[in-house]
Structure formats: structure tokens, C-alpha cells
Amino acid sequence: MQNPKLQVIRRTSFVATPWKNGGGITHEALRVPPSGEPFHWRVSVAHIDASGPFSEFAEYNRTMVLLRGAGVELRFTDGAHKALRKVGEMVEFDGALATHCELLNGSCVDLNLMVLKTDSAVVRVERFIESLAVRASRTEMTLVFPIDRKITLQLTARKPVTLDPWDLAVMSQCAGRINRLESTQSSVSTSVFVATLLQASQNL
């Protein structure tokens, strides 16, 4: 692949930002573009300390992954309920739906990806024992976000990069493998959030 790129954004550099409705704090890892509205997509880590409504983001599709805590139940205006009870569980929902978040047993932390509805994204939580292949084609960006364990990201013909839990790596025009770094029982899997997005520059 030509012009391979890898950007690593450490958890310690995330920027604390109030929720749009003032109900909490999110720590923004990356927004594309970095300023202005509407953005194409945004990655953040939110601390939820009390039950209450989510902010409205009607123009976006949302993905939420539980990172810490006993879990949450999301209640939507269309009558649907979705619960995240274990670290690594994921839910996708329409940001146009008014959403109430009910904490199940104390405060939680979650990963949030918001993607403009006119853009496209494929999201998943991968659980692997030893290693996992990842790639981003010429027109894509791939996000790699380790959830529960330290990993290395080894791109073709490059030195491996170590990612701590909740660091964010952004790949473009490259391929590689995710490898588990910490020694643990072979039967225990490692969880990583992976999202593949059409590069926003293609839409600007």
C-alpha cells in the first residue's frame, strides 16, 4: 500500500469536554474534522456517574461499548431497551432517538463512536487469543482501541507499537496484526474495538 499512516492517540491526551446537555463529561480522543459542525465522526470515552438522558445527536449513528462498571440499560423513545452488562459489550443506535441511560449498579465508563449518517462505518468488538489481522484500504481509516489488555500493533515493515488499554490507533493505507502483549492464560481472550470508516476527506 502507498503512503501508509499510523496515528497513535494516548489515553492521557484525551480532552475533557462537557456533554452537549451538560449531564456529564466525555473525554474526546479524536474528531474529524477537528473543529466545526457537523463533524464526520468522533471517538470519546464518557464517564457516566448518574442515570439520566443522553444528548441528542440526530444526524449521527452511535456506537457504545462498556469499558468499566456493572453496566447500563438504554431506554429509547421507540420502546426498545438495550443493556450492556459486561465489559466489551457493544450497542449501536440511532442518535435521533431520545435515549435514557439507567445505571445498573454504580458509575460506568463507556467508549462512544458517533458517525454522520451520510458516512459509513463497520464496527465490531473482536475477541482473540493470540493475534488478529487488521487493515485499512486506500479509501478507509481503521480505528483500533484495546479494551481490557495491553497489545502491540505490528504494521508491515514497521516496528511494533504498544497500545495500553483505551489508547487509540488510527490506521490508513496499511495492514498489520494486533498481538497480545501481556502473558495470561491461553484460554482468556483479549478484547479490542475495531471500526472501519470511509475517510472523511473523501466526503469533504
Protein backbone atom coordinates (compact mmCIF):
# COMPACT_ATOMS: atom_id res chain seq x y z
CA MET A 1 0.00 0.00 0.00
CA GLN A 2 1.22 3.52 -0.77
CA ASN A 3 1.77 6.15 1.92
CA PRO A 4 0.86 4.00 4.94
CA LYS A 5 -0.02 6.06 8.00
CA LEU A 6 -0.48 5.31 11.68
CA GLN A 7 -1.57 7.82 14.29
CA VAL A 8 -1.49 6.86 17.97
CA ILE A 9 -3.51 8.93 20.45
CA ARG A 10 -2.75 8.10 24.04
CA ARG A 11 -5.49 7.94 26.62
CA THR A 12 -3.65 10.55 28.69
CA SER A 13 -4.04 13.11 25.88
CA PHE A 14 -7.83 12.83 25.53
CA VAL A 15 -9.55 16.20 26.02
CA ALA A 16 -12.28 16.51 28.68
CA THR A 17 -15.45 18.03 27.21
CA PRO A 18 -18.89 18.56 28.80
CA TRP A 19 -21.80 16.63 27.33
CA LYS A 20 -23.94 18.69 24.99
CA ASN A 21 -26.79 18.53 27.52
CA GLY A 22 -24.50 19.26 30.48
CA GLY A 23 -25.25 15.91 32.13
CA GLY A 24 -21.69 14.57 32.25
CA ILE A 25 -18.15 14.65 30.91
CA THR A 26 -16.69 12.91 27.87
CA HIS A 27 -13.00 12.65 27.06
CA GLU A 28 -12.57 13.28 23.36
CA ALA A 29 -9.88 11.23 21.63
CA LEU A 30 -10.41 12.33 18.04
CA ARG A 31 -12.84 14.37 15.96
CA VAL A 32 -12.78 14.59 12.16
CA PRO A 33 -12.53 17.38 11.19
CA PRO A 34 -11.02 18.70 14.45
CA SER A 35 -13.35 21.72 14.61
CA GLY A 36 -16.66 22.90 13.26
CA GLU A 37 -20.09 21.33 12.90
CA PRO A 38 -21.13 18.90 11.77
CA PHE A 39 -18.16 16.62 12.33
CA HIS A 40 -17.90 13.42 10.27
CA TRP A 41 -17.04 11.20 13.22
CA ARG A 42 -15.88 11.42 16.82
CA VAL A 43 -14.34 8.98 19.29
CA SER A 44 -14.62 9.66 23.01
CA VAL A 45 -14.62 7.97 26.42
CA ALA A 46 -17.51 9.04 28.66
CA HIS A 47 -17.82 8.80 32.44
CA ILE A 48 -21.41 8.19 33.49
CA ASP A 49 -21.89 8.96 37.19
CA ALA A 50 -25.68 9.26 37.32
CA SER A 51 -28.69 7.96 35.43
CA GLY A 52 -30.25 10.41 33.00
CA PRO A 53 -30.84 11.39 29.39
CA PHE A 54 -28.23 11.28 26.66
CA SER A 55 -27.60 14.33 24.49
CA GLU A 56 -29.39 14.46 21.15
CA PHE A 57 -27.28 13.75 18.06
CA ALA A 58 -29.97 13.32 15.42
CA GLU A 59 -27.55 13.45 12.46
CA TYR A 60 -25.43 10.57 13.76
CA ASN A 61 -25.38 6.83 14.20
CA ARG A 62 -23.91 5.94 17.58
CA THR A 63 -21.90 3.02 18.93
CA MET A 64 -21.33 2.47 22.64
CA VAL A 65 -19.04 -0.09 24.32
CA LEU A 66 -18.90 -0.71 28.08
CA LEU A 67 -15.35 -0.19 29.37
CA ARG A 68 -15.79 -0.23 33.14
CA GLY A 69 -18.54 -0.79 35.69
CA ALA A 70 -21.53 -3.04 36.28
CA GLY A 71 -23.39 -1.83 33.21
CA VAL A 72 -26.19 0.36 31.88
CA GLU A 73 -29.62 -0.01 30.38
CA LEU A 74 -30.56 2.27 27.50
CA ARG A 75 -34.25 3.07 27.04
CA PHE A 76 -35.35 4.57 23.74
CA THR A 77 -38.45 6.53 22.78
CA ASP A 78 -39.48 3.78 20.36
CA GLY A 79 -39.93 1.48 23.35
CA ALA A 80 -36.75 -0.58 22.85
CA HIS A 81 -34.41 -1.41 25.74
CA LYS A 82 -30.77 -2.43 25.36
CA ALA A 83 -28.46 -3.38 28.22
CA LEU A 84 -24.66 -3.56 28.48
CA ARG A 85 -23.72 -5.72 31.46
CA LYS A 86 -20.18 -6.90 30.73
CA VAL A 87 -17.04 -5.02 29.74
CA GLY A 88 -16.69 -5.22 25.97
CA GLU A 89 -20.40 -5.48 25.20
CA MET A 90 -21.49 -3.13 22.40
CA VAL A 91 -24.68 -1.49 21.20
CA GLU A 92 -25.45 0.55 18.07
CA PHE A 93 -28.35 3.02 17.95
CA ASP A 94 -29.79 5.99 16.12
CA GLY A 95 -28.76 9.31 17.67
CA ALA A 96 -32.14 10.76 16.71
CA LEU A 97 -33.87 8.59 19.32
CA ALA A 98 -34.29 10.24 22.72
CA THR A 99 -32.29 7.93 25.00
CA HIS A 100 -32.38 7.50 28.77
CA CYS A 101 -29.41 5.79 30.42
CA GLU A 102 -30.06 3.87 33.64
CA LEU A 103 -27.02 2.79 35.66
CA LEU A 104 -27.41 -0.81 36.86
CA ASN A 105 -25.08 -0.67 39.87
CA GLY A 106 -22.91 2.43 40.14
CA SER A 107 -20.92 4.62 37.78
CA CYS A 108 -19.63 3.35 34.44
CA VAL A 109 -17.22 4.31 31.68
CA ASP A 110 -18.02 3.74 28.02
CA LEU A 111 -16.49 4.21 24.60
CA ASN A 112 -18.52 6.26 22.13
CA LEU A 113 -18.21 6.46 18.37
CA MET A 114 -20.50 8.88 16.52
CA VAL A 115 -20.60 8.73 12.72
CA LEU A 116 -22.52 11.11 10.46
CA LYS A 117 -25.40 9.23 8.83
CA THR A 118 -24.21 10.24 5.35
CA ASP A 119 -20.90 8.45 6.05
CA SER A 120 -20.37 4.73 6.53
CA ALA A 121 -18.77 2.64 9.26
CA VAL A 122 -18.41 -1.03 10.13
CA VAL A 123 -17.88 -1.56 13.86
CA ARG A 124 -17.17 -4.63 15.97
CA VAL A 125 -15.57 -5.87 19.17
CA GLU A 126 -13.01 -8.55 18.36
CA ARG A 127 -12.01 -11.13 20.95
CA PHE A 128 -8.83 -13.06 20.20
CA ILE A 129 -6.35 -15.33 21.97
CA GLU A 130 -3.03 -14.68 20.21
CA SER A 131 -3.30 -12.25 17.28
CA LEU A 132 -5.70 -10.56 14.90
CA ALA A 133 -5.24 -9.19 11.36
CA VAL A 134 -6.31 -5.58 10.65
CA ARG A 135 -6.12 -3.41 7.56
CA ALA A 136 -7.23 -0.10 6.05
CA SER A 137 -7.55 0.28 2.29
CA ARG A 138 -6.76 3.42 0.30
CA THR A 139 -10.17 4.98 1.00
CA GLU A 140 -10.59 3.83 4.60
CA MET A 141 -9.49 4.54 8.12
CA THR A 142 -9.41 1.76 10.69
CA LEU A 143 -9.64 2.53 14.41
CA VAL A 144 -8.07 0.15 16.93
CA PHE A 145 -8.97 0.59 20.60
CA PRO A 146 -7.81 -2.04 23.13
CA ILE A 147 -10.44 -2.54 25.82
CA ASP A 148 -9.01 -4.71 28.56
CA ARG A 149 -5.33 -5.58 27.93
CA LYS A 150 -2.13 -4.11 26.55
CA ILE A 151 -1.44 -5.05 22.93
CA THR A 152 1.08 -4.42 20.17
CA LEU A 153 0.14 -3.24 16.69
CA GLN A 154 2.58 -4.55 14.10
CA LEU A 155 2.31 -2.93 10.69
CA THR A 156 4.04 -4.46 7.68
CA ALA A 157 7.76 -3.48 7.58
CA ARG A 158 7.48 -1.32 10.72
CA LYS A 159 8.45 -1.64 14.33
CA PRO A 160 5.59 -2.73 16.61
CA VAL A 161 3.72 -0.06 18.55
CA THR A 162 2.50 -0.78 22.07
CA LEU A 163 -1.05 0.29 22.97
CA ASP A 164 -2.28 0.40 26.55
CA PRO A 165 -5.97 -0.17 27.29
CA TRP A 166 -8.03 2.76 25.98
CA ASP A 167 -5.30 4.16 23.72
CA LEU A 168 -6.50 4.80 20.17
CA ALA A 169 -4.67 3.91 16.95
CA VAL A 170 -5.83 5.23 13.56
CA MET A 171 -4.61 3.31 10.51
CA SER A 172 -4.82 4.39 6.87
CA GLN A 173 -3.49 2.69 3.74
CA CYS A 174 -1.79 -0.07 5.71
CA ALA A 175 -2.17 -3.58 7.08
CA GLY A 176 -0.84 -5.41 10.10
CA ARG A 177 -1.57 -7.58 13.09
CA ILE A 178 -2.66 -6.99 16.66
CA ASN A 179 -0.79 -9.18 19.14
CA ARG A 180 -1.40 -9.76 22.80
CA LEU A 181 1.46 -8.43 24.90
CA GLU A 182 0.61 -9.40 28.43
CA SER A 183 1.12 -13.03 29.36
CA THR A 184 -2.06 -14.63 30.63
CA GLN A 185 -3.89 -17.92 30.46
CA SER A 186 -4.20 -19.10 26.86
CA SER A 187 -7.95 -19.56 27.25
CA VAL A 188 -8.54 -15.90 28.21
CA SER A 189 -9.30 -13.69 25.22
CA THR A 190 -8.29 -10.09 24.62
CA SER A 191 -10.98 -7.60 23.55
CA VAL A 192 -10.35 -4.84 21.01
CA PHE A 193 -12.81 -2.41 19.45
CA VAL A 194 -12.24 -2.10 15.68
CA ALA A 195 -14.05 0.35 13.39
CA THR A 196 -13.55 0.81 9.66
CA LEU A 197 -14.69 4.16 8.28
CA LEU A 198 -14.69 5.79 4.88
CA GLN A 199 -12.05 8.51 5.07
CA ALA A 200 -13.78 11.81 5.79
CA SER A 201 -11.57 13.52 3.20
CA GLN A 202 -13.45 11.54 0.55
CA ASN A 203 -16.65 13.32 1.56
CA LEU A 204 -15.46 16.87 2.10
